[in-house]
């Protein structure tokens, strides 16, 4: 029984040693995700496109066209709603 308890304590202490590593990895991944999001945002705003490939530019253009379509559709629905109120 004593050996079992010792084994469990040893396992727990080994596991506790890995927790800071997981926290550090999580922080690194979170930072990379934020950086990627910021880079994507800059590209949508037209900044930093010099290093983009033709495929990336086509993808960005397609995403922007889709976004514009959604915006125009919403704008039309709002305008129709306002005209019905008048």
C-alpha atoms as a PDB file:
ATOM      1  CA  UNK A   1       0.000   0.000   0.000  1.00  0.00           C
ATOM      2  CA  UNK A   2       2.817   2.353   0.891  1.00  0.00           C
ATOM      3  CA  UNK A   3       4.498   1.664  -2.442  1.00  0.00           C
ATOM      4  CA  UNK A   4       1.267   2.438  -4.250  1.00  0.00           C
ATOM      5  CA  UNK A   5       0.911   5.763  -2.442  1.00  0.00           C
ATOM      6  CA  UNK A   6       4.544   6.634  -3.171  1.00  0.00           C
ATOM      7  CA  UNK A   7       3.994   5.788  -6.811  1.00  0.00           C
ATOM      8  CA  UNK A   8       0.922   8.019  -6.964  1.00  0.00           C
ATOM      9  CA  UNK A   9       2.752  10.942  -5.320  1.00  0.00           C
ATOM     10  CA  UNK A  10       5.632  10.521  -7.767  1.00  0.00           C
ATOM     11  CA  UNK A  11       3.218  10.515 -10.697  1.00  0.00           C
ATOM     12  CA  UNK A  12       1.451  13.612  -9.354  1.00  0.00           C
ATOM     13  CA  UNK A  13       4.705  15.521  -8.960  1.00  0.00           C
ATOM     14  CA  UNK A  14       5.772  14.577 -12.506  1.00  0.00           C
ATOM     15  CA  UNK A  15       2.409  15.753 -13.821  1.00  0.00           C
ATOM     16  CA  UNK A  16       2.705  19.032 -11.898  1.00  0.00           C
ATOM     17  CA  UNK A  17       6.057  19.664 -13.561  1.00  0.00           C
ATOM     18  CA  UNK A  18       4.404  19.552 -16.993  1.00  0.00           C
ATOM     19  CA  UNK A  19       1.745  22.150 -16.175  1.00  0.00           C
ATOM     20  CA  UNK A  20       4.031  25.186 -16.671  1.00  0.00           C
ATOM     21  CA  UNK A  21       5.046  23.764 -20.059  1.00  0.00           C
ATOM     22  CA  UNK A  22       1.405  23.498 -21.113  1.00  0.00           C
ATOM     23  CA  UNK A  23       0.722  27.036 -19.928  1.00  0.00           C
ATOM     24  CA  UNK A  24       3.738  28.311 -21.872  1.00  0.00           C
ATOM     25  CA  UNK A  25       2.688  26.430 -25.017  1.00  0.00           C
ATOM     26  CA  UNK A  26      -0.855  27.774 -24.671  1.00  0.00           C
ATOM     27  CA  UNK A  27       0.461  31.340 -24.353  1.00  0.00           C
ATOM     28  CA  UNK A  28       2.635  30.880 -27.451  1.00  0.00           C
ATOM     29  CA  UNK A  29      -0.279  29.466 -29.456  1.00  0.00           C
ATOM     30  CA  UNK A  30      -2.570  32.280 -28.308  1.00  0.00           C
ATOM     31  CA  UNK A  31       0.045  34.868 -29.348  1.00  0.00           C
ATOM     32  CA  UNK A  32       0.420  33.228 -32.779  1.00  0.00           C
ATOM     33  CA  UNK A  33      -3.365  33.188 -33.218  1.00  0.00           C
ATOM     34  CA  UNK A  34      -3.599  36.900 -32.400  1.00  0.00           C
ATOM     35  CA  UNK A  35      -0.724  37.686 -34.781  1.00  0.00           C
ATOM     36  CA  UNK A  36      -2.389  35.707 -37.577  1.00  0.00           C
ATOM     37  CA  UNK A  37      -5.693  37.491 -36.940  1.00  0.00           C
ATOM     38  CA  UNK A  38      -3.954  40.886 -37.051  1.00  0.00           C
ATOM     39  CA  UNK A  39      -2.134  39.960 -40.279  1.00  0.00           C
ATOM     40  CA  UNK A  40      -5.403  38.863 -41.887  1.00  0.00           C
ATOM     41  CA  UNK A  41      -7.072  42.096 -40.773  1.00  0.00           C
ATOM     42  CA  UNK A  42      -4.227  44.174 -42.261  1.00  0.00           C
ATOM     43  CA  UNK A  43      -4.544  42.315 -45.561  1.00  0.00           C
ATOM     44  CA  UNK A  44      -8.296  42.942 -45.645  1.00  0.00           C
ATOM     45  CA  UNK A  45      -7.508  46.626 -45.170  1.00  0.00           C
ATOM     46  CA  UNK A  46      -5.036  46.475 -48.062  1.00  0.00           C
ATOM     47  CA  UNK A  47      -1.800  46.614 -46.044  1.00  0.00           C
ATOM     48  CA  UNK A  48       1.005  44.084 -46.409  1.00  0.00           C
ATOM     49  CA  UNK A  49      -0.203  42.647 -49.700  1.00  0.00           C
ATOM     50  CA  UNK A  50       3.226  42.871 -51.353  1.00  0.00           C
ATOM     51  CA  UNK A  51       4.254  39.448 -50.073  1.00  0.00           C
ATOM     52  CA  UNK A  52       0.924  37.794 -50.977  1.00  0.00           C
ATOM     53  CA  UNK A  53       0.715  35.216 -53.735  1.00  0.00           C
ATOM     54  CA  UNK A  54      -1.828  35.387 -56.549  1.00  0.00           C
ATOM     55  CA  UNK A  55      -3.852  32.633 -54.863  1.00  0.00           C
ATOM     56  CA  UNK A  56      -3.883  34.545 -51.565  1.00  0.00           C
ATOM     57  CA  UNK A  57      -4.973  37.720 -53.339  1.00  0.00           C
ATOM     58  CA  UNK A  58      -7.777  35.854 -55.115  1.00  0.00           C
ATOM     59  CA  UNK A  59      -8.895  34.340 -51.808  1.00  0.00           C
ATOM     60  CA  UNK A  60      -8.864  37.739 -50.091  1.00  0.00           C
ATOM     61  CA  UNK A  61     -10.773  39.255 -53.032  1.00  0.00           C
ATOM     62  CA  UNK A  62     -13.390  36.511 -52.846  1.00  0.00           C
ATOM     63  CA  UNK A  63     -13.810  36.978 -49.106  1.00  0.00           C
ATOM     64  CA  UNK A  64     -14.160  40.738 -49.543  1.00  0.00           C
ATOM     65  CA  UNK A  65     -16.769  40.275 -52.291  1.00  0.00           C
ATOM     66  CA  UNK A  66     -18.737  37.924 -50.035  1.00  0.00           C
ATOM     67  CA  UNK A  67     -18.539  40.444 -47.184  1.00  0.00           C
ATOM     68  CA  UNK A  68     -19.683  43.270 -49.461  1.00  0.00           C
ATOM     69  CA  UNK A  69     -22.613  41.162 -50.619  1.00  0.00           C
ATOM     70  CA  UNK A  70     -23.661  40.557 -47.004  1.00  0.00           C
ATOM     71  CA  UNK A  71     -23.305  44.270 -46.194  1.00  0.00           C
ATOM     72  CA  UNK A  72     -25.311  45.341 -49.250  1.00  0.00           C
ATOM     73  CA  UNK A  73     -28.027  42.813 -48.457  1.00  0.00           C
ATOM     74  CA  UNK A  74     -28.277  44.079 -44.880  1.00  0.00           C
ATOM     75  CA  UNK A  75     -28.311  47.686 -46.104  1.00  0.00           C
ATOM     76  CA  UNK A  76     -31.176  46.874 -48.478  1.00  0.00           C
ATOM     77  CA  UNK A  77     -33.177  45.145 -45.714  1.00  0.00           C
ATOM     78  CA  UNK A  78     -32.706  48.176 -43.446  1.00  0.00           C
ATOM     79  CA  UNK A  79     -33.735  50.569 -46.237  1.00  0.00           C
ATOM     80  CA  UNK A  80     -36.854  48.490 -46.969  1.00  0.00           C
ATOM     81  CA  UNK A  81     -37.676  48.432 -43.252  1.00  0.00           C
ATOM     82  CA  UNK A  82     -37.344  52.203 -43.019  1.00  0.00           C
ATOM     83  CA  UNK A  83     -39.488  52.784 -46.118  1.00  0.00           C
ATOM     84  CA  UNK A  84     -42.233  50.578 -44.655  1.00  0.00           C
ATOM     85  CA  UNK A  85     -42.249  52.723 -41.504  1.00  0.00           C
ATOM     86  CA  UNK A  86     -42.788  55.921 -43.494  1.00  0.00           C
END
